[in-house]
Amino acid sequence: MLAQLHARALAPLAAVSEAQRGRLAETLLAWLLSGSNVPDVAARLHIHPQTVRYRLRQLEKLFGDALHDPGSRLDLILALRAEALRNEFPSLTSGLTSALTSAQKGEEYLNSRP
């Protein structure tokens, strides 16, 4: 099932080089988990916000409207997380860890408020 999800959701990344694929996948996952917050993605990945915007333009060309469709976004998150766990994109593992930590902290903060 994960293999089918991977093949379908991440198929557009096959059009780019392996090195570029890893960078774009890392950026995409961080962007999806950050709620589309470019400065947050830049801080998580330790890159300039303009670099994030450049990569997002590349991702827009590859994925089109799927980046704005809630169902497709969920599929992308699941496929990218599975890749990180299988270590197919090594750079995703560190990005995933920091993105999840930030997301958990945000959730804890929201739940702690009266």
Foldseek 3Di string as FASTA:
>chain_A
DLVVLLCPLVVLLVVDDPVLSLVLLLLLLLCLLVVNDLVSSCVLLVHDSVVSVVSVVVVCVRPPCLSVDVVSSVSSNSSSVVCCVVCVNVSNVSSVVSSVVVSVVVVVVVVPDD
